[in-house]
Amino acid sequence: MNRLLIGLFALATVLVSPFAQAKSPTTQSKNAPLNYMFVQTGQSGSLIPITGKAGFYQLKLKNTGEYVHYFSDRPNRVTGVYPTAQFVNQWISNNNPNGFNKVAPNAALSALNVHLLKSNQVNIIVQLSEPSYNPKTRTMTYIAQILPGENNVIPMKHLDQVALFIDSYCASCVGQGF
């Protein structure tokens, strides 16, 4: 499992290298709804409870890429990368009724939870809100609410090889942006 995660992380790193072109997710094909999923990775991270807000956590991804990957569902199959800072700005500033700042997206968090000298694979489904990105430290922070049915032990102070798969946004349904 570690080799698979390392391979996926290496692939993601290559894809977001300076050779990748940043494109805005706006291309559409044959009037089909254009739904985008987003993928964000970090070398490490943490999931820590927020004091006074039961069920809410601060999700921090460290050493993230400069870009967020996106891809669309079939039949369009549009792919690309989007600068992380612009991704966050678009999220925060979008006033569409179905935009991420109005209807928070779900996401799958996949990582290695490192505790003492051992690690285990964790997959947690969360709802994300309040994104914040520091480009100088390449740190991404979200407020995460754990969705019902999750049985993982939290907090997770030391996460490695973090991958965040953010739920779809229908750009063609409500206009551009998310």
C-alpha atoms as a PDB file:
ATOM      1  CA  MET A   1       0.000   0.000   0.000  1.00  0.00           C
ATOM      2  CA  ASN A   2       2.891   2.355   0.831  1.00  0.00           C
ATOM      3  CA  ARG A   3       4.427   1.805  -2.595  1.00  0.00           C
ATOM      4  CA  LEU A   4       1.103   2.539  -4.275  1.00  0.00           C
ATOM      5  CA  LEU A   5       0.681   5.786  -2.331  1.00  0.00           C
ATOM      6  CA  ILE A   6       4.267   6.818  -3.002  1.00  0.00           C
ATOM      7  CA  GLY A   7       3.748   6.087  -6.705  1.00  0.00           C
ATOM      8  CA  LEU A   8       0.515   8.096  -6.798  1.00  0.00           C
ATOM      9  CA  PHE A   9       2.170  10.978  -4.967  1.00  0.00           C
ATOM     10  CA  ALA A  10       5.131  10.909  -7.369  1.00  0.00           C
ATOM     11  CA  LEU A  11       2.772  10.921 -10.343  1.00  0.00           C
ATOM     12  CA  ALA A  12       0.851  13.862  -8.881  1.00  0.00           C
ATOM     13  CA  THR A  13       4.125  15.727  -8.298  1.00  0.00           C
ATOM     14  CA  VAL A  14       5.204  15.209 -11.920  1.00  0.00           C
ATOM     15  CA  LEU A  15       1.830  16.342 -13.192  1.00  0.00           C
ATOM     16  CA  VAL A  16       1.989  19.602 -11.257  1.00  0.00           C
ATOM     17  CA  SER A  17       5.553  20.368 -12.255  1.00  0.00           C
ATOM     18  CA  PRO A  18       6.405  23.717 -13.865  1.00  0.00           C
ATOM     19  CA  PHE A  19       5.899  22.025 -17.252  1.00  0.00           C
ATOM     20  CA  ALA A  20       2.154  21.671 -16.612  1.00  0.00           C
ATOM     21  CA  GLN A  21       0.053  24.515 -17.952  1.00  0.00           C
ATOM     22  CA  ALA A  22      -2.534  26.094 -15.697  1.00  0.00           C
ATOM     23  CA  LYS A  23      -5.910  26.087 -17.342  1.00  0.00           C
ATOM     24  CA  SER A  24      -9.203  27.260 -15.972  1.00  0.00           C
ATOM     25  CA  PRO A  25     -11.807  24.469 -15.874  1.00  0.00           C
ATOM     26  CA  THR A  26     -14.237  25.918 -18.421  1.00  0.00           C
ATOM     27  CA  THR A  27     -14.162  23.713 -21.543  1.00  0.00           C
ATOM     28  CA  GLN A  28     -17.474  22.045 -22.374  1.00  0.00           C
ATOM     29  CA  SER A  29     -18.442  19.317 -24.836  1.00  0.00           C
ATOM     30  CA  LYS A  30     -21.717  18.656 -26.658  1.00  0.00           C
ATOM     31  CA  ASN A  31     -24.126  20.253 -24.146  1.00  0.00           C
ATOM     32  CA  ALA A  32     -23.539  17.521 -21.547  1.00  0.00           C
ATOM     33  CA  PRO A  33     -23.347  18.716 -17.933  1.00  0.00           C
ATOM     34  CA  LEU A  34     -19.743  19.465 -17.040  1.00  0.00           C
ATOM     35  CA  ASN A  35     -18.966  18.153 -13.549  1.00  0.00           C
ATOM     36  CA  TYR A  36     -15.474  18.640 -12.114  1.00  0.00           C
ATOM     37  CA  MET A  37     -13.764  16.653  -9.382  1.00  0.00           C
ATOM     38  CA  PHE A  38     -10.675  18.175  -7.767  1.00  0.00           C
ATOM     39  CA  VAL A  39      -7.571  16.447  -6.393  1.00  0.00           C
ATOM     40  CA  GLN A  40      -5.155  18.065  -3.970  1.00  0.00           C
ATOM     41  CA  THR A  41      -2.088  16.436  -2.427  1.00  0.00           C
ATOM     42  CA  GLY A  42       0.284  17.228   0.410  1.00  0.00           C
ATOM     43  CA  GLN A  43       3.407  15.545   1.722  1.00  0.00           C
ATOM     44  CA  SER A  44       2.039  15.688   5.259  1.00  0.00           C
ATOM     45  CA  GLY A  45      -0.855  17.020   7.273  1.00  0.00           C
ATOM     46  CA  SER A  46      -3.014  16.825  10.373  1.00  0.00           C
ATOM     47  CA  LEU A  47      -6.656  16.582  11.423  1.00  0.00           C
ATOM     48  CA  ILE A  48      -7.153  18.243  14.820  1.00  0.00           C
ATOM     49  CA  PRO A  49     -10.442  18.909  16.709  1.00  0.00           C
ATOM     50  CA  ILE A  50     -11.569  22.536  16.935  1.00  0.00           C
ATOM     51  CA  THR A  51     -12.148  23.505  20.554  1.00  0.00           C
ATOM     52  CA  GLY A  52     -15.787  24.296  21.281  1.00  0.00           C
ATOM     53  CA  LYS A  53     -17.074  22.959  17.927  1.00  0.00           C
ATOM     54  CA  ALA A  54     -17.980  19.290  18.351  1.00  0.00           C
ATOM     55  CA  GLY A  55     -17.519  17.290  15.158  1.00  0.00           C
ATOM     56  CA  PHE A  56     -15.414  19.984  13.449  1.00  0.00           C
ATOM     57  CA  TYR A  57     -11.701  19.697  12.750  1.00  0.00           C
ATOM     58  CA  GLN A  58      -8.891  21.726  11.278  1.00  0.00           C
ATOM     59  CA  LEU A  59      -7.509  19.837   8.290  1.00  0.00           C
ATOM     60  CA  LYS A  60      -4.047  21.033   7.364  1.00  0.00           C
ATOM     61  CA  LEU A  61      -2.105  19.868   4.304  1.00  0.00           C
ATOM     62  CA  LYS A  62       1.588  20.777   4.232  1.00  0.00           C
ATOM     63  CA  ASN A  63       3.912  20.968   1.234  1.00  0.00           C
ATOM     64  CA  THR A  64       1.033  21.029  -1.225  1.00  0.00           C
ATOM     65  CA  GLY A  65       1.482  21.454  -4.932  1.00  0.00           C
ATOM     66  CA  GLU A  66       1.102  24.835  -6.581  1.00  0.00           C
ATOM     67  CA  TYR A  67      -1.816  23.411  -8.546  1.00  0.00           C
ATOM     68  CA  VAL A  68      -5.043  21.552  -7.889  1.00  0.00           C
ATOM     69  CA  HIS A  69      -5.837  18.864 -10.463  1.00  0.00           C
ATOM     70  CA  TYR A  70      -9.306  18.677 -11.933  1.00  0.00           C
ATOM     71  CA  PHE A  71     -11.104  16.280 -14.218  1.00  0.00           C
ATOM     72  CA  SER A  72     -14.611  15.997 -15.549  1.00  0.00           C
ATOM     73  CA  ASP A  73     -16.996  13.105 -15.672  1.00  0.00           C
ATOM     74  CA  ARG A  74     -17.832  11.378 -18.926  1.00  0.00           C
ATOM     75  CA  PRO A  75     -18.601  12.098 -21.722  1.00  0.00           C
ATOM     76  CA  ASN A  76     -16.463  15.264 -21.604  1.00  0.00           C
ATOM     77  CA  ARG A  77     -13.318  13.893 -19.919  1.00  0.00           C
ATOM     78  CA  VAL A  78     -11.732  17.323 -19.509  1.00  0.00           C
ATOM     79  CA  THR A  79      -8.552  17.400 -17.393  1.00  0.00           C
ATOM     80  CA  GLY A  80      -6.116  20.028 -16.236  1.00  0.00           C
ATOM     81  CA  VAL A  81      -4.536  21.890 -13.372  1.00  0.00           C
ATOM     82  CA  TYR A  82      -5.643  25.067 -11.663  1.00  0.00           C
ATOM     83  CA  PRO A  83      -3.398  27.280  -9.484  1.00  0.00           C
ATOM     84  CA  THR A  84      -4.128  26.552  -5.821  1.00  0.00           C
ATOM     85  CA  ALA A  85      -4.373  30.240  -4.886  1.00  0.00           C
ATOM     86  CA  GLN A  86      -6.935  30.842  -7.660  1.00  0.00           C
ATOM     87  CA  PHE A  87      -8.835  27.701  -6.635  1.00  0.00           C
ATOM     88  CA  VAL A  88      -9.226  29.082  -3.100  1.00  0.00           C
ATOM     89  CA  ASN A  89     -10.095  32.604  -4.300  1.00  0.00           C
ATOM     90  CA  GLN A  90     -12.741  31.217  -6.660  1.00  0.00           C
ATOM     91  CA  TRP A  91     -14.182  29.053  -3.869  1.00  0.00           C
ATOM     92  CA  ILE A  92     -14.459  32.005  -1.481  1.00  0.00           C
ATOM     93  CA  SER A  93     -15.728  34.622  -3.947  1.00  0.00           C
ATOM     94  CA  ASN A  94     -18.281  32.559  -5.888  1.00  0.00           C
ATOM     95  CA  ASN A  95     -21.858  33.620  -5.132  1.00  0.00           C
ATOM     96  CA  ASN A  96     -23.632  30.982  -7.231  1.00  0.00           C
ATOM     97  CA  PRO A  97     -26.353  29.275  -5.165  1.00  0.00           C
ATOM     98  CA  ASN A  98     -24.623  25.903  -5.645  1.00  0.00           C
ATOM     99  CA  GLY A  99     -21.054  27.206  -5.314  1.00  0.00           C
ATOM    100  CA  PHE A 100     -18.689  25.666  -2.776  1.00  0.00           C
ATOM    101  CA  ASN A 101     -19.010  28.639  -0.406  1.00  0.00           C
ATOM    102  CA  LYS A 102     -22.828  28.224  -0.364  1.00  0.00           C
ATOM    103  CA  VAL A 103     -23.029  24.408  -0.435  1.00  0.00           C
ATOM    104  CA  ALA A 104     -19.840  22.947   1.047  1.00  0.00           C
ATOM    105  CA  PRO A 105     -18.403  20.027  -0.936  1.00  0.00           C
ATOM    106  CA  ASN A 106     -17.752  16.543   0.367  1.00  0.00           C
ATOM    107  CA  ALA A 107     -14.274  15.101   0.029  1.00  0.00           C
ATOM    108  CA  ALA A 108     -12.435  11.844   0.574  1.00  0.00           C
ATOM    109  CA  LEU A 109      -9.285  12.236   2.646  1.00  0.00           C
ATOM    110  CA  SER A 110      -6.757   9.462   2.098  1.00  0.00           C
ATOM    111  CA  ALA A 111      -3.476   9.381   4.000  1.00  0.00           C
ATOM    112  CA  LEU A 112      -1.113   7.405   6.166  1.00  0.00           C
ATOM    113  CA  ASN A 113      -1.775   8.055   9.858  1.00  0.00           C
ATOM    114  CA  VAL A 114       1.631   7.910  11.552  1.00  0.00           C
ATOM    115  CA  HIS A 115       1.590   7.051  15.260  1.00  0.00           C
ATOM    116  CA  LEU A 116       4.766   6.188  17.146  1.00  0.00           C
ATOM    117  CA  LEU A 117       6.726   3.895  14.819  1.00  0.00           C
ATOM    118  CA  LYS A 118       3.847   2.525  12.768  1.00  0.00           C
ATOM    119  CA  SER A 119       1.444   3.897  10.229  1.00  0.00           C
ATOM    120  CA  ASN A 120      -1.918   2.811   8.888  1.00  0.00           C
ATOM    121  CA  GLN A 121      -3.925   3.811   5.840  1.00  0.00           C
ATOM    122  CA  VAL A 122      -6.943   5.997   6.637  1.00  0.00           C
ATOM    123  CA  ASN A 123      -9.789   7.065   4.397  1.00  0.00           C
ATOM    124  CA  ILE A 124     -12.267   9.555   5.830  1.00  0.00           C
ATOM    125  CA  ILE A 125     -15.233  11.245   4.182  1.00  0.00           C
ATOM    126  CA  VAL A 126     -15.577  14.884   5.224  1.00  0.00           C
ATOM    127  CA  GLN A 127     -17.377  18.073   4.320  1.00  0.00           C
ATOM    128  CA  LEU A 128     -14.980  20.958   3.626  1.00  0.00           C
ATOM    129  CA  SER A 129     -15.370  24.674   4.267  1.00  0.00           C
ATOM    130  CA  GLU A 130     -13.319  27.820   4.903  1.00  0.00           C
ATOM    131  CA  PRO A 131     -10.307  27.062   2.682  1.00  0.00           C
ATOM    132  CA  SER A 132      -7.127  29.027   3.279  1.00  0.00           C
ATOM    133  CA  TYR A 133      -3.852  28.778   1.367  1.00  0.00           C
ATOM    134  CA  ASN A 134      -0.426  30.134   2.270  1.00  0.00           C
ATOM    135  CA  PRO A 135       1.693  30.025  -0.909  1.00  0.00           C
ATOM    136  CA  LYS A 136       4.930  30.849   0.943  1.00  0.00           C
ATOM    137  CA  THR A 137       4.676  27.781   3.184  1.00  0.00           C
ATOM    138  CA  ARG A 138       2.607  25.771   0.663  1.00  0.00           C
ATOM    139  CA  THR A 139       0.100  25.026   3.420  1.00  0.00           C
ATOM    140  CA  MET A 140      -3.607  24.472   2.778  1.00  0.00           C
ATOM    141  CA  THR A 141      -6.095  24.625   5.646  1.00  0.00           C
ATOM    142  CA  TYR A 142      -9.778  23.668   5.706  1.00  0.00           C
ATOM    143  CA  ILE A 143     -12.481  23.261   8.291  1.00  0.00           C
ATOM    144  CA  ALA A 144     -13.557  19.621   8.004  1.00  0.00           C
ATOM    145  CA  GLN A 145     -16.717  18.092   9.382  1.00  0.00           C
ATOM    146  CA  ILE A 146     -16.620  14.313   9.631  1.00  0.00           C
ATOM    147  CA  LEU A 147     -19.672  12.829   7.912  1.00  0.00           C
ATOM    148  CA  PRO A 148     -21.896  10.246   9.652  1.00  0.00           C
ATOM    149  CA  GLY A 149     -20.756   6.646   9.456  1.00  0.00           C
ATOM    150  CA  GLU A 150     -17.042   7.325   9.857  1.00  0.00           C
ATOM    151  CA  ASN A 151     -15.347   5.206  12.539  1.00  0.00           C
ATOM    152  CA  ASN A 152     -11.760   6.460  12.429  1.00  0.00           C
ATOM    153  CA  VAL A 153      -9.848   7.428  15.553  1.00  0.00           C
ATOM    154  CA  ILE A 154      -9.409  11.196  15.583  1.00  0.00           C
ATOM    155  CA  PRO A 155      -7.317  13.360  16.076  1.00  0.00           C
ATOM    156  CA  MET A 156      -4.647  12.483  13.575  1.00  0.00           C
ATOM    157  CA  LYS A 157      -1.672  14.676  14.315  1.00  0.00           C
ATOM    158  CA  HIS A 158       0.791  13.157  11.859  1.00  0.00           C
ATOM    159  CA  LEU A 159      -0.523  12.337   8.406  1.00  0.00           C
ATOM    160  CA  ASP A 160       1.788  11.463   5.511  1.00  0.00           C
ATOM    161  CA  GLN A 161       1.158  11.234   1.768  1.00  0.00           C
ATOM    162  CA  VAL A 162      -2.137  13.095   1.993  1.00  0.00           C
ATOM    163  CA  ALA A 163      -4.564  13.067  -0.938  1.00  0.00           C
ATOM    164  CA  LEU A 164      -7.836  14.971  -0.912  1.00  0.00           C
ATOM    165  CA  PHE A 165     -10.488  14.132  -3.527  1.00  0.00           C
ATOM    166  CA  ILE A 166     -13.021  16.977  -3.587  1.00  0.00           C
ATOM    167  CA  ASP A 167     -16.590  16.337  -4.732  1.00  0.00           C
ATOM    168  CA  SER A 168     -17.888  17.492  -8.065  1.00  0.00           C
ATOM    169  CA  TYR A 169     -19.033  20.912  -9.103  1.00  0.00           C
ATOM    170  CA  CYS A 170     -21.268  21.345 -12.135  1.00  0.00           C
ATOM    171  CA  ALA A 171     -19.770  24.333 -13.944  1.00  0.00           C
ATOM    172  CA  SER A 172     -22.188  24.132 -16.864  1.00  0.00           C
ATOM    173  CA  CYS A 173     -25.218  23.904 -14.541  1.00  0.00           C
ATOM    174  CA  VAL A 174     -24.719  27.241 -12.772  1.00  0.00           C
ATOM    175  CA  GLY A 175     -22.133  29.084 -14.834  1.00  0.00           C
ATOM    176  CA  GLN A 176     -18.397  29.211 -14.495  1.00  0.00           C
ATOM    177  CA  GLY A 177     -16.596  28.954 -11.203  1.00  0.00           C
ATOM    178  CA  PHE A 178     -17.026  26.869  -8.123  1.00  0.00           C
END
